[in-house]
């Protein structure tokens, strides 16, 4: 059975996530969840990342846009990835890997004062 173009994008994302040691899963879409939830939920070094996979000229729906924005509003990273912008996912993961948490804590403490 041939893979759909979107499945190929998902598989490429999984390869990148595995290479970077990320925890990830595909939320079950069995009617019990909320509509518009991204395809892949990721945690790496304490950072929350959501990935919506599209192929070709695939566009996000209004429900997907709403959920991606809610994730961003909560401080997470939400990406729409297709076969043409796979480097965006790689760059985000590299940035998370190289981020210094001590600097983050110092900056948060300064903001709270």
PDB file of N, CA and C in Angstrom:
ATOM      1  N   UNK A   1       0.845  -1.181   0.000  1.00  0.00           N
ATOM      2  CA  UNK A   1       0.000   0.000   0.000  1.00  0.00           C
ATOM      3  C   UNK A   1       0.894   1.250   0.000  1.00  0.00           C
ATOM      4  N   UNK A   2       0.632   2.136  -0.913  1.00  0.00           N
ATOM      5  CA  UNK A   2       1.437   3.350  -1.055  1.00  0.00           C
ATOM      6  C   UNK A   2       1.096   4.349   0.049  1.00  0.00           C
ATOM      7  N   UNK A   3       2.102   5.077   0.467  1.00  0.00           N
ATOM      8  CA  UNK A   3       1.904   6.106   1.486  1.00  0.00           C
ATOM      9  C   UNK A   3       1.306   7.352   0.861  1.00  0.00           C
ATOM     10  N   UNK A   4       0.423   8.010   1.607  1.00  0.00           N
ATOM     11  CA  UNK A   4      -0.116   9.282   1.144  1.00  0.00           C
ATOM     12  C   UNK A   4       0.977  10.344   1.283  1.00  0.00           C
ATOM     13  N   UNK A   5       0.890  11.428   0.541  1.00  0.00           N
ATOM     14  CA  UNK A   5       1.882  12.501   0.689  1.00  0.00           C
ATOM     15  C   UNK A   5       1.972  13.021   2.124  1.00  0.00           C
ATOM     16  N   UNK A   6       0.826  13.153   2.809  1.00  0.00           N
ATOM     17  CA  UNK A   6       0.861  13.640   4.194  1.00  0.00           C
ATOM     18  C   UNK A   6       1.539  12.619   5.115  1.00  0.00           C
ATOM     19  N   UNK A   7       1.315  11.342   4.878  1.00  0.00           N
ATOM     20  CA  UNK A   7       1.963  10.302   5.690  1.00  0.00           C
ATOM     21  C   UNK A   7       3.482  10.362   5.508  1.00  0.00           C
ATOM     22  N   UNK A   8       3.922  10.680   4.294  1.00  0.00           N
ATOM     23  CA  UNK A   8       5.363  10.824   4.057  1.00  0.00           C
ATOM     24  C   UNK A   8       5.934  11.979   4.883  1.00  0.00           C
ATOM     25  N   UNK A   9       5.193  13.082   4.968  1.00  0.00           N
ATOM     26  CA  UNK A   9       5.626  14.219   5.772  1.00  0.00           C
ATOM     27  C   UNK A   9       5.692  13.803   7.246  1.00  0.00           C
ATOM     28  N   UNK A  10       4.676  13.102   7.723  1.00  0.00           N
ATOM     29  CA  UNK A  10       4.669  12.631   9.113  1.00  0.00           C
ATOM     30  C   UNK A  10       5.867  11.728   9.384  1.00  0.00           C
ATOM     31  N   UNK A  11       6.156  10.831   8.463  1.00  0.00           N
ATOM     32  CA  UNK A  11       7.299   9.923   8.636  1.00  0.00           C
ATOM     33  C   UNK A  11       8.618  10.697   8.699  1.00  0.00           C
ATOM     34  N   UNK A  12       8.764  11.711   7.865  1.00  0.00           N
ATOM     35  CA  UNK A  12       9.977  12.534   7.898  1.00  0.00           C
ATOM     36  C   UNK A  12      10.096  13.267   9.232  1.00  0.00           C
ATOM     37  N   UNK A  13       8.982  13.785   9.736  1.00  0.00           N
ATOM     38  CA  UNK A  13       8.980  14.462  11.031  1.00  0.00           C
ATOM     39  C   UNK A  13       9.403  13.496  12.135  1.00  0.00           C
ATOM     40  N   UNK A  14       8.885  12.290  12.107  1.00  0.00           N
ATOM     41  CA  UNK A  14       9.228  11.290  13.119  1.00  0.00           C
ATOM     42  C   UNK A  14      10.718  10.973  13.078  1.00  0.00           C
ATOM     43  N   UNK A  15      11.280  10.856  11.892  1.00  0.00           N
ATOM     44  CA  UNK A  15      12.726  10.615  11.776  1.00  0.00           C
ATOM     45  C   UNK A  15      13.518  11.727  12.460  1.00  0.00           C
ATOM     46  N   UNK A  16      13.130  12.962  12.211  1.00  0.00           N
ATOM     47  CA  UNK A  16      13.817  14.116  12.811  1.00  0.00           C
ATOM     48  C   UNK A  16      13.656  14.090  14.327  1.00  0.00           C
ATOM     49  N   UNK A  17      12.449  13.811  14.795  1.00  0.00           N
ATOM     50  CA  UNK A  17      12.200  13.772  16.240  1.00  0.00           C
ATOM     51  C   UNK A  17      13.024  12.678  16.907  1.00  0.00           C
ATOM     52  N   UNK A  18      13.076  11.501  16.295  1.00  0.00           N
ATOM     53  CA  UNK A  18      13.860  10.400  16.854  1.00  0.00           C
ATOM     54  C   UNK A  18      15.345  10.747  16.911  1.00  0.00           C
ATOM     55  N   UNK A  19      15.867  11.344  15.845  1.00  0.00           N
ATOM     56  CA  UNK A  19      17.289  11.710  15.805  1.00  0.00           C
ATOM     57  C   UNK A  19      17.644  12.698  16.911  1.00  0.00           C
ATOM     58  N   UNK A  20      16.673  13.496  17.333  1.00  0.00           N
ATOM     59  CA  UNK A  20      16.918  14.509  18.361  1.00  0.00           C
ATOM     60  C   UNK A  20      16.507  14.050  19.758  1.00  0.00           C
ATOM     61  N   UNK A  21      16.081  12.804  19.890  1.00  0.00           N
ATOM     62  CA  UNK A  21      15.738  12.254  21.197  1.00  0.00           C
ATOM     63  C   UNK A  21      14.470  12.816  21.810  1.00  0.00           C
ATOM     64  N   UNK A  22      13.552  13.278  20.986  1.00  0.00           N
ATOM     65  CA  UNK A  22      12.323  13.882  21.482  1.00  0.00           C
ATOM     66  C   UNK A  22      11.299  12.813  21.867  1.00  0.00           C
ATOM     67  N   UNK A  23      10.512  13.114  22.885  1.00  0.00           N
ATOM     68  CA  UNK A  23       9.331  12.325  23.215  1.00  0.00           C
ATOM     69  C   UNK A  23       8.211  12.848  22.317  1.00  0.00           C
ATOM     70  N   UNK A  24       7.475  11.951  21.687  1.00  0.00           N
ATOM     71  CA  UNK A  24       6.390  12.388  20.808  1.00  0.00           C
ATOM     72  C   UNK A  24       5.298  11.336  20.755  1.00  0.00           C
ATOM     73  N   UNK A  25       4.121  11.752  20.363  1.00  0.00           N
ATOM     74  CA  UNK A  25       3.036  10.813  20.099  1.00  0.00           C
ATOM     75  C   UNK A  25       2.032  11.453  19.148  1.00  0.00           C
ATOM     76  N   UNK A  26       1.236  10.597  18.552  1.00  0.00           N
ATOM     77  CA  UNK A  26       0.146  11.020  17.680  1.00  0.00           C
ATOM     78  C   UNK A  26      -1.140  10.915  18.498  1.00  0.00           C
ATOM     79  N   UNK A  27      -1.808  12.020  18.791  1.00  0.00           N
ATOM     80  CA  UNK A  27      -3.040  11.938  19.582  1.00  0.00           C
ATOM     81  C   UNK A  27      -4.094  11.090  18.871  1.00  0.00           C
ATOM     82  N   UNK A  28      -4.782  10.283  19.654  1.00  0.00           N
ATOM     83  CA  UNK A  28      -5.858   9.448  19.090  1.00  0.00           C
ATOM     84  C   UNK A  28      -6.986  10.348  18.605  1.00  0.00           C
ATOM     85  N   UNK A  29      -7.467  10.052  17.428  1.00  0.00           N
ATOM     86  CA  UNK A  29      -8.574  10.839  16.877  1.00  0.00           C
ATOM     87  C   UNK A  29      -9.796   9.941  16.755  1.00  0.00           C
ATOM     88  N   UNK A  30     -10.252   9.462  17.900  1.00  0.00           N
ATOM     89  CA  UNK A  30     -11.366   8.511  17.905  1.00  0.00           C
ATOM     90  C   UNK A  30     -12.692   9.147  18.303  1.00  0.00           C
ATOM     91  N   UNK A  31     -12.778  10.453  18.193  1.00  0.00           N
ATOM     92  CA  UNK A  31     -14.027  11.137  18.507  1.00  0.00           C
ATOM     93  C   UNK A  31     -14.141  11.587  19.949  1.00  0.00           C
ATOM     94  N   UNK A  32     -13.189  11.220  20.798  1.00  0.00           N
ATOM     95  CA  UNK A  32     -13.253  11.610  22.202  1.00  0.00           C
ATOM     96  C   UNK A  32     -12.474  12.892  22.478  1.00  0.00           C
ATOM     97  N   UNK A  33     -11.617  13.278  21.573  1.00  0.00           N
ATOM     98  CA  UNK A  33     -10.804  14.481  21.766  1.00  0.00           C
ATOM     99  C   UNK A  33     -11.461  15.710  21.181  1.00  0.00           C
ATOM    100  N   UNK A  34     -10.695  16.782  21.143  1.00  0.00           N
ATOM    101  CA  UNK A  34     -11.168  18.045  20.589  1.00  0.00           C
ATOM    102  C   UNK A  34     -10.766  18.116  19.120  1.00  0.00           C
ATOM    103  N   UNK A  35     -11.611  18.665  18.304  1.00  0.00           N
ATOM    104  CA  UNK A  35     -11.314  18.816  16.878  1.00  0.00           C
ATOM    105  C   UNK A  35     -10.195  19.824  16.689  1.00  0.00           C
ATOM    106  N   UNK A  36      -9.337  19.575  15.709  1.00  0.00           N
ATOM    107  CA  UNK A  36      -8.285  20.515  15.353  1.00  0.00           C
ATOM    108  C   UNK A  36      -6.960  20.289  16.055  1.00  0.00           C
ATOM    109  N   UNK A  37      -6.861  19.264  16.901  1.00  0.00           N
ATOM    110  CA  UNK A  37      -5.618  18.988  17.621  1.00  0.00           C
ATOM    111  C   UNK A  37      -4.529  18.632  16.607  1.00  0.00           C
ATOM    112  N   UNK A  38      -3.308  19.150  16.780  1.00  0.00           N
ATOM    113  CA  UNK A  38      -2.220  18.864  15.829  1.00  0.00           C
ATOM    114  C   UNK A  38      -1.888  17.377  15.731  1.00  0.00           C
ATOM    115  N   UNK A  39      -1.238  17.019  14.637  1.00  0.00           N
ATOM    116  CA  UNK A  39      -0.923  15.619  14.353  1.00  0.00           C
ATOM    117  C   UNK A  39       0.067  14.999  15.333  1.00  0.00           C
ATOM    118  N   UNK A  40       1.081  15.762  15.724  1.00  0.00           N
ATOM    119  CA  UNK A  40       2.140  15.210  16.576  1.00  0.00           C
ATOM    120  C   UNK A  40       2.347  16.143  17.772  1.00  0.00           C
ATOM    121  N   UNK A  41       2.363  15.562  18.959  1.00  0.00           N
ATOM    122  CA  UNK A  41       2.644  16.292  20.190  1.00  0.00           C
ATOM    123  C   UNK A  41       4.045  15.880  20.640  1.00  0.00           C
ATOM    124  N   UNK A  42       4.876  16.875  20.965  1.00  0.00           N
ATOM    125  CA  UNK A  42       6.293  16.635  21.240  1.00  0.00           C
ATOM    126  C   UNK A  42       6.693  17.310  22.552  1.00  0.00           C
ATOM    127  N   UNK A  43       7.591  16.657  23.285  1.00  0.00           N
ATOM    128  CA  UNK A  43       8.240  17.282  24.425  1.00  0.00           C
ATOM    129  C   UNK A  43       9.735  17.020  24.296  1.00  0.00           C
ATOM    130  N   UNK A  44      10.523  18.079  24.397  1.00  0.00           N
ATOM    131  CA  UNK A  44      11.981  17.955  24.324  1.00  0.00           C
ATOM    132  C   UNK A  44      12.590  18.947  25.304  1.00  0.00           C
ATOM    133  N   UNK A  45      13.336  18.429  26.260  1.00  0.00           N
ATOM    134  CA  UNK A  45      13.984  19.253  27.285  1.00  0.00           C
ATOM    135  C   UNK A  45      12.983  20.163  27.995  1.00  0.00           C
ATOM    136  N   UNK A  46      11.778  19.664  28.206  1.00  0.00           N
ATOM    137  CA  UNK A  46      10.764  20.432  28.910  1.00  0.00           C
ATOM    138  C   UNK A  46       9.969  21.379  28.043  1.00  0.00           C
ATOM    139  N   UNK A  47      10.279  21.479  26.781  1.00  0.00           N
ATOM    140  CA  UNK A  47       9.538  22.354  25.872  1.00  0.00           C
ATOM    141  C   UNK A  47       8.408  21.581  25.211  1.00  0.00           C
ATOM    142  N   UNK A  48       7.277  22.240  25.067  1.00  0.00           N
ATOM    143  CA  UNK A  48       6.100  21.658  24.424  1.00  0.00           C
ATOM    144  C   UNK A  48       6.062  22.124  22.977  1.00  0.00           C
ATOM    145  N   UNK A  49       5.926  21.177  22.085  1.00  0.00           N
ATOM    146  CA  UNK A  49       5.895  21.469  20.656  1.00  0.00           C
ATOM    147  C   UNK A  49       4.765  20.674  20.020  1.00  0.00           C
ATOM    148  N   UNK A  50       4.014  21.310  19.155  1.00  0.00           N
ATOM    149  CA  UNK A  50       2.951  20.648  18.407  1.00  0.00           C
ATOM    150  C   UNK A  50       3.232  20.813  16.921  1.00  0.00           C
ATOM    151  N   UNK A  51       3.032  19.742  16.175  1.00  0.00           N
ATOM    152  CA  UNK A  51       3.318  19.763  14.743  1.00  0.00           C
ATOM    153  C   UNK A  51       2.068  19.332  13.971  1.00  0.00           C
ATOM    154  N   UNK A  52       1.619  20.205  13.111  1.00  0.00           N
ATOM    155  CA  UNK A  52       0.548  19.874  12.169  1.00  0.00           C
ATOM    156  C   UNK A  52       1.214  19.591  10.831  1.00  0.00           C
ATOM    157  N   UNK A  53       0.995  18.418  10.289  1.00  0.00           N
ATOM    158  CA  UNK A  53       1.630  18.000   9.035  1.00  0.00           C
ATOM    159  C   UNK A  53       0.671  18.214   7.863  1.00  0.00           C
ATOM    160  N   UNK A  54       1.182  18.796   6.817  1.00  0.00           N
ATOM    161  CA  UNK A  54       0.424  19.006   5.583  1.00  0.00           C
ATOM    162  C   UNK A  54       1.298  18.611   4.411  1.00  0.00           C
ATOM    163  N   UNK A  55       0.680  18.293   3.308  1.00  0.00           N
ATOM    164  CA  UNK A  55       1.413  17.957   2.092  1.00  0.00           C
ATOM    165  C   UNK A  55       0.943  18.853   0.961  1.00  0.00           C
ATOM    166  N   UNK A  56       1.855  19.106   0.042  1.00  0.00           N
ATOM    167  CA  UNK A  56       1.508  19.922  -1.117  1.00  0.00           C
ATOM    168  C   UNK A  56       0.991  21.276  -0.712  1.00  0.00           C
ATOM    169  N   UNK A  57      -0.166  21.635  -1.252  1.00  0.00           N
ATOM    170  CA  UNK A  57      -0.775  22.928  -0.933  1.00  0.00           C
ATOM    171  C   UNK A  57      -1.794  22.810   0.192  1.00  0.00           C
ATOM    172  N   UNK A  58      -1.697  21.735   0.967  1.00  0.00           N
ATOM    173  CA  UNK A  58      -2.627  21.526   2.073  1.00  0.00           C
ATOM    174  C   UNK A  58      -2.633  22.705   3.029  1.00  0.00           C
ATOM    175  N   UNK A  59      -3.797  23.142   3.390  1.00  0.00           N
ATOM    176  CA  UNK A  59      -3.967  24.287   4.290  1.00  0.00           C
ATOM    177  C   UNK A  59      -4.580  23.813   5.601  1.00  0.00           C
ATOM    178  N   UNK A  60      -4.272  24.525   6.657  1.00  0.00           N
ATOM    179  CA  UNK A  60      -4.888  24.218   7.932  1.00  0.00           C
ATOM    180  C   UNK A  60      -6.333  24.694   7.939  1.00  0.00           C
ATOM    181  N   UNK A  61      -7.153  24.013   8.722  1.00  0.00           N
ATOM    182  CA  UNK A  61      -8.551  24.412   8.867  1.00  0.00           C
ATOM    183  C   UNK A  61      -8.644  25.489   9.945  1.00  0.00           C
ATOM    184  N   UNK A  62      -9.791  26.103  10.050  1.00  0.00           N
ATOM    185  CA  UNK A  62     -10.014  27.111  11.090  1.00  0.00           C
ATOM    186  C   UNK A  62      -9.854  26.490  12.480  1.00  0.00           C
ATOM    187  N   UNK A  63     -10.330  25.265  12.669  1.00  0.00           N
ATOM    188  CA  UNK A  63     -10.179  24.591  13.960  1.00  0.00           C
ATOM    189  C   UNK A  63      -8.714  24.316  14.269  1.00  0.00           C
ATOM    190  N   UNK A  64      -7.949  23.900  13.264  1.00  0.00           N
ATOM    191  CA  UNK A  64      -6.521  23.666  13.470  1.00  0.00           C
ATOM    192  C   UNK A  64      -5.801  24.970  13.806  1.00  0.00           C
ATOM    193  N   UNK A  65      -6.136  26.025  13.094  1.00  0.00           N
ATOM    194  CA  UNK A  65      -5.534  27.335  13.382  1.00  0.00           C
ATOM    195  C   UNK A  65      -5.820  27.762  14.816  1.00  0.00           C
ATOM    196  N   UNK A  66      -7.053  27.541  15.267  1.00  0.00           N
ATOM    197  CA  UNK A  66      -7.431  27.900  16.633  1.00  0.00           C
ATOM    198  C   UNK A  66      -6.586  27.130  17.648  1.00  0.00           C
ATOM    199  N   UNK A  67      -6.435  25.824  17.451  1.00  0.00           N
ATOM    200  CA  UNK A  67      -5.670  25.007  18.393  1.00  0.00           C
ATOM    201  C   UNK A  67      -4.186  25.371  18.370  1.00  0.00           C
ATOM    202  N   UNK A  68      -3.630  25.615  17.202  1.00  0.00           N
ATOM    203  CA  UNK A  68      -2.227  26.017  17.105  1.00  0.00           C
ATOM    204  C   UNK A  68      -1.996  27.342  17.833  1.00  0.00           C
ATOM    205  N   UNK A  69      -2.926  28.273  17.691  1.00  0.00           N
ATOM    206  CA  UNK A  69      -2.792  29.561  18.382  1.00  0.00           C
ATOM    207  C   UNK A  69      -2.940  29.398  19.886  1.00  0.00           C
ATOM    208  N   UNK A  70      -3.830  28.529  20.335  1.00  0.00           N
ATOM    209  CA  UNK A  70      -3.993  28.290  21.777  1.00  0.00           C
ATOM    210  C   UNK A  70      -2.702  27.735  22.370  1.00  0.00           C
ATOM    211  N   UNK A  71      -2.029  26.875  21.634  1.00  0.00           N
ATOM    212  CA  UNK A  71      -0.746  26.323  22.083  1.00  0.00           C
ATOM    213  C   UNK A  71       0.285  27.437  22.188  1.00  0.00           C
ATOM    214  N   UNK A  72       0.356  28.290  21.178  1.00  0.00           N
ATOM    215  CA  UNK A  72       1.298  29.419  21.210  1.00  0.00           C
ATOM    216  C   UNK A  72       0.983  30.357  22.375  1.00  0.00           C
ATOM    217  N   UNK A  73      -0.299  30.631  22.585  1.00  0.00           N
ATOM    218  CA  UNK A  73      -0.712  31.520  23.676  1.00  0.00           C
ATOM    219  C   UNK A  73      -0.323  30.945  25.040  1.00  0.00           C
ATOM    220  N   UNK A  74      -0.270  29.625  25.141  1.00  0.00           N
ATOM    221  CA  UNK A  74       0.097  28.969  26.401  1.00  0.00           C
ATOM    222  C   UNK A  74       1.607  28.829  26.566  1.00  0.00           C
ATOM    223  N   UNK A  75       2.381  29.323  25.596  1.00  0.00           N
ATOM    224  CA  UNK A  75       3.836  29.289  25.696  1.00  0.00           C
ATOM    225  C   UNK A  75       4.490  28.144  24.963  1.00  0.00           C
ATOM    226  N   UNK A  76       3.713  27.347  24.241  1.00  0.00           N
ATOM    227  CA  UNK A  76       4.276  26.248  23.457  1.00  0.00           C
ATOM    228  C   UNK A  76       4.663  26.715  22.068  1.00  0.00           C
ATOM    229  N   UNK A  77       5.287  25.818  21.347  1.00  0.00           N
ATOM    230  CA  UNK A  77       5.662  26.073  19.952  1.00  0.00           C
ATOM    231  C   UNK A  77       4.725  25.249  19.085  1.00  0.00           C
ATOM    232  N   UNK A  78       4.133  25.870  18.091  1.00  0.00           N
ATOM    233  CA  UNK A  78       3.213  25.185  17.186  1.00  0.00           C
ATOM    234  C   UNK A  78       3.644  25.449  15.753  1.00  0.00           C
ATOM    235  N   UNK A  79       3.899  24.372  15.031  1.00  0.00           N
ATOM    236  CA  UNK A  79       4.393  24.475  13.660  1.00  0.00           C
ATOM    237  C   UNK A  79       3.452  23.786  12.685  1.00  0.00           C
ATOM    238  N   UNK A  80       3.407  24.308  11.476  1.00  0.00           N
ATOM    239  CA  UNK A  80       2.774  23.614  10.360  1.00  0.00           C
ATOM    240  C   UNK A  80       3.919  23.223   9.438  1.00  0.00           C
ATOM    241  N   UNK A  81       4.117  21.925   9.266  1.00  0.00           N
ATOM    242  CA  UNK A  81       5.258  21.416   8.509  1.00  0.00           C
ATOM    243  C   UNK A  81       4.761  20.683   7.266  1.00  0.00           C
ATOM    244  N   UNK A  82       5.451  20.968   6.151  1.00  0.00           N
ATOM    245  CA  UNK A  82       5.186  20.234   4.911  1.00  0.00           C
ATOM    246  C   UNK A  82       6.528  19.806   4.318  1.00  0.00           C
ATOM    247  N   UNK A  83       6.492  19.214   3.148  1.00  0.00           N
ATOM    248  CA  UNK A  83       7.724  18.696   2.557  1.00  0.00           C
ATOM    249  C   UNK A  83       8.715  19.794   2.178  1.00  0.00           C
ATOM    250  N   UNK A  84       8.259  21.041   2.151  1.00  0.00           N
ATOM    251  CA  UNK A  84       9.119  22.154   1.736  1.00  0.00           C
ATOM    252  C   UNK A  84       9.758  22.926   2.899  1.00  0.00           C
ATOM    253  N   UNK A  85       9.253  22.742   4.123  1.00  0.00           N
ATOM    254  CA  UNK A  85       9.805  23.504   5.249  1.00  0.00           C
ATOM    255  C   UNK A  85      10.250  22.594   6.404  1.00  0.00           C
ATOM    256  N   UNK A  86      10.682  21.402   6.079  1.00  0.00           N
ATOM    257  CA  UNK A  86      11.128  20.439   7.084  1.00  0.00           C
ATOM    258  C   UNK A  86      12.275  21.000   7.930  1.00  0.00           C
ATOM    259  N   UNK A  87      13.074  21.894   7.353  1.00  0.00           N
ATOM    260  CA  UNK A  87      14.186  22.486   8.098  1.00  0.00           C
ATOM    261  C   UNK A  87      13.692  23.321   9.283  1.00  0.00           C
ATOM    262  N   UNK A  88      12.479  23.836   9.203  1.00  0.00           N
ATOM    263  CA  UNK A  88      11.932  24.611  10.313  1.00  0.00           C
ATOM    264  C   UNK A  88      11.833  23.741  11.570  1.00  0.00           C
ATOM    265  N   UNK A  89      11.390  22.513  11.416  1.00  0.00           N
ATOM    266  CA  UNK A  89      11.318  21.585  12.548  1.00  0.00           C
ATOM    267  C   UNK A  89      12.720  21.285  13.071  1.00  0.00           C
ATOM    268  N   UNK A  90      13.645  21.019  12.173  1.00  0.00           N
ATOM    269  CA  UNK A  90      15.037  20.743  12.584  1.00  0.00           C
ATOM    270  C   UNK A  90      15.607  21.929  13.354  1.00  0.00           C
ATOM    271  N   UNK A  91      15.397  23.132  12.862  1.00  0.00           N
ATOM    272  CA  UNK A  91      15.949  24.329  13.501  1.00  0.00           C
ATOM    273  C   UNK A  91      15.354  24.568  14.883  1.00  0.00           C
ATOM    274  N   UNK A  92      14.064  24.324  15.040  1.00  0.00           N
ATOM    275  CA  UNK A  92      13.439  24.481  16.353  1.00  0.00           C
ATOM    276  C   UNK A  92      14.042  23.484  17.333  1.00  0.00           C
ATOM    277  N   UNK A  93      14.213  22.243  16.915  1.00  0.00           N
ATOM    278  CA  UNK A  93      14.772  21.227  17.807  1.00  0.00           C
ATOM    279  C   UNK A  93      16.222  21.520  18.155  1.00  0.00           C
ATOM    280  N   UNK A  94      16.986  22.007  17.201  1.00  0.00           N
ATOM    281  CA  UNK A  94      18.378  22.383  17.474  1.00  0.00           C
ATOM    282  C   UNK A  94      18.405  23.533  18.473  1.00  0.00           C
ATOM    283  N   UNK A  95      17.511  24.502  18.305  1.00  0.00           N
ATOM    284  CA  UNK A  95      17.446  25.634  19.228  1.00  0.00           C
ATOM    285  C   UNK A  95      17.096  25.199  20.637  1.00  0.00           C
ATOM    286  N   UNK A  96      16.157  24.270  20.766  1.00  0.00           N
ATOM    287  CA  UNK A  96      15.783  23.758  22.084  1.00  0.00           C
ATOM    288  C   UNK A  96      16.956  23.018  22.706  1.00  0.00           C
ATOM    289  N   UNK A  97      17.663  22.243  21.917  1.00  0.00           N
ATOM    290  CA  UNK A  97      18.794  21.456  22.416  1.00  0.00           C
ATOM    291  C   UNK A  97      19.917  22.350  22.929  1.00  0.00           C
ATOM    292  N   UNK A  98      20.132  23.478  22.288  1.00  0.00           N
ATOM    293  CA  UNK A  98      21.264  24.322  22.650  1.00  0.00           C
ATOM    294  C   UNK A  98      20.908  25.408  23.664  1.00  0.00           C
ATOM    295  N   UNK A  99      19.632  25.527  24.020  1.00  0.00           N
ATOM    296  CA  UNK A  99      19.193  26.591  24.919  1.00  0.00           C
ATOM    297  C   UNK A  99      19.706  26.335  26.327  1.00  0.00           C
ATOM    298  N   UNK A 100      20.171  27.354  26.957  1.00  0.00           N
ATOM    299  CA  UNK A 100      20.710  27.254  28.311  1.00  0.00           C
ATOM    300  C   UNK A 100      19.596  27.554  29.309  1.00  0.00           C
ATOM    301  N   UNK A 101      19.177  26.548  30.071  1.00  0.00           N
ATOM    302  CA  UNK A 101      18.070  26.723  31.006  1.00  0.00           C
ATOM    303  C   UNK A 101      18.411  27.662  32.148  1.00  0.00           C
ATOM    304  N   UNK A 102      19.676  27.764  32.525  1.00  0.00           N
ATOM    305  CA  UNK A 102      20.056  28.710  33.573  1.00  0.00           C
ATOM    306  C   UNK A 102      19.776  30.131  33.128  1.00  0.00           C
ATOM    307  N   UNK A 103      20.064  30.432  31.874  1.00  0.00           N
ATOM    308  CA  UNK A 103      19.752  31.765  31.344  1.00  0.00           C
ATOM    309  C   UNK A 103      18.245  32.010  31.358  1.00  0.00           C
ATOM    310  N   UNK A 104      17.492  31.003  31.011  1.00  0.00           N
ATOM    311  CA  UNK A 104      16.033  31.122  31.027  1.00  0.00           C
ATOM    312  C   UNK A 104      15.542  31.452  32.429  1.00  0.00           C
ATOM    313  N   UNK A 105      16.023  30.730  33.427  1.00  0.00           N
ATOM    314  CA  UNK A 105      15.603  30.983  34.803  1.00  0.00           C
ATOM    315  C   UNK A 105      15.996  32.382  35.267  1.00  0.00           C
ATOM    316  N   UNK A 106      17.212  32.790  34.952  1.00  0.00           N
ATOM    317  CA  UNK A 106      17.647  34.138  35.325  1.00  0.00           C
ATOM    318  C   UNK A 106      16.729  35.199  34.717  1.00  0.00           C
ATOM    319  N   UNK A 107      16.410  35.034  33.445  1.00  0.00           N
ATOM    320  CA  UNK A 107      15.543  36.000  32.763  1.00  0.00           C
ATOM    321  C   UNK A 107      14.143  36.018  33.366  1.00  0.00           C
ATOM    322  N   UNK A 108      13.610  34.841  33.714  1.00  0.00           N
ATOM    323  CA  UNK A 108      12.294  34.787  34.333  1.00  0.00           C
ATOM    324  C   UNK A 108      12.283  35.476  35.692  1.00  0.00           C
ATOM    325  N   UNK A 109      13.337  35.253  36.471  1.00  0.00           N
ATOM    326  CA  UNK A 109      13.421  35.886  37.791  1.00  0.00           C
ATOM    327  C   UNK A 109      13.494  37.395  37.644  1.00  0.00           C
ATOM    328  N   UNK A 110      14.277  37.878  36.680  1.00  0.00           N
ATOM    329  CA  UNK A 110      14.361  39.329  36.436  1.00  0.00           C
ATOM    330  C   UNK A 110      12.997  39.908  36.083  1.00  0.00           C
ATOM    331  N   UNK A 111      12.244  39.188  35.244  1.00  0.00           N
ATOM    332  CA  UNK A 111      10.929  39.673  34.826  1.00  0.00           C
ATOM    333  C   UNK A 111       9.952  39.724  35.985  1.00  0.00           C
ATOM    334  N   UNK A 112      10.093  38.790  36.925  1.00  0.00           N
ATOM    335  CA  UNK A 112       9.175  38.737  38.059  1.00  0.00           C
ATOM    336  C   UNK A 112       9.454  39.815  39.095  1.00  0.00           C
ATOM    337  N   UNK A 113      10.670  40.341  39.119  1.00  0.00           N
ATOM    338  CA  UNK A 113      11.030  41.375  40.109  1.00  0.00           C
ATOM    339  C   UNK A 113      10.453  42.719  39.757  1.00  0.00           C
TER     340      UNK A 113
END
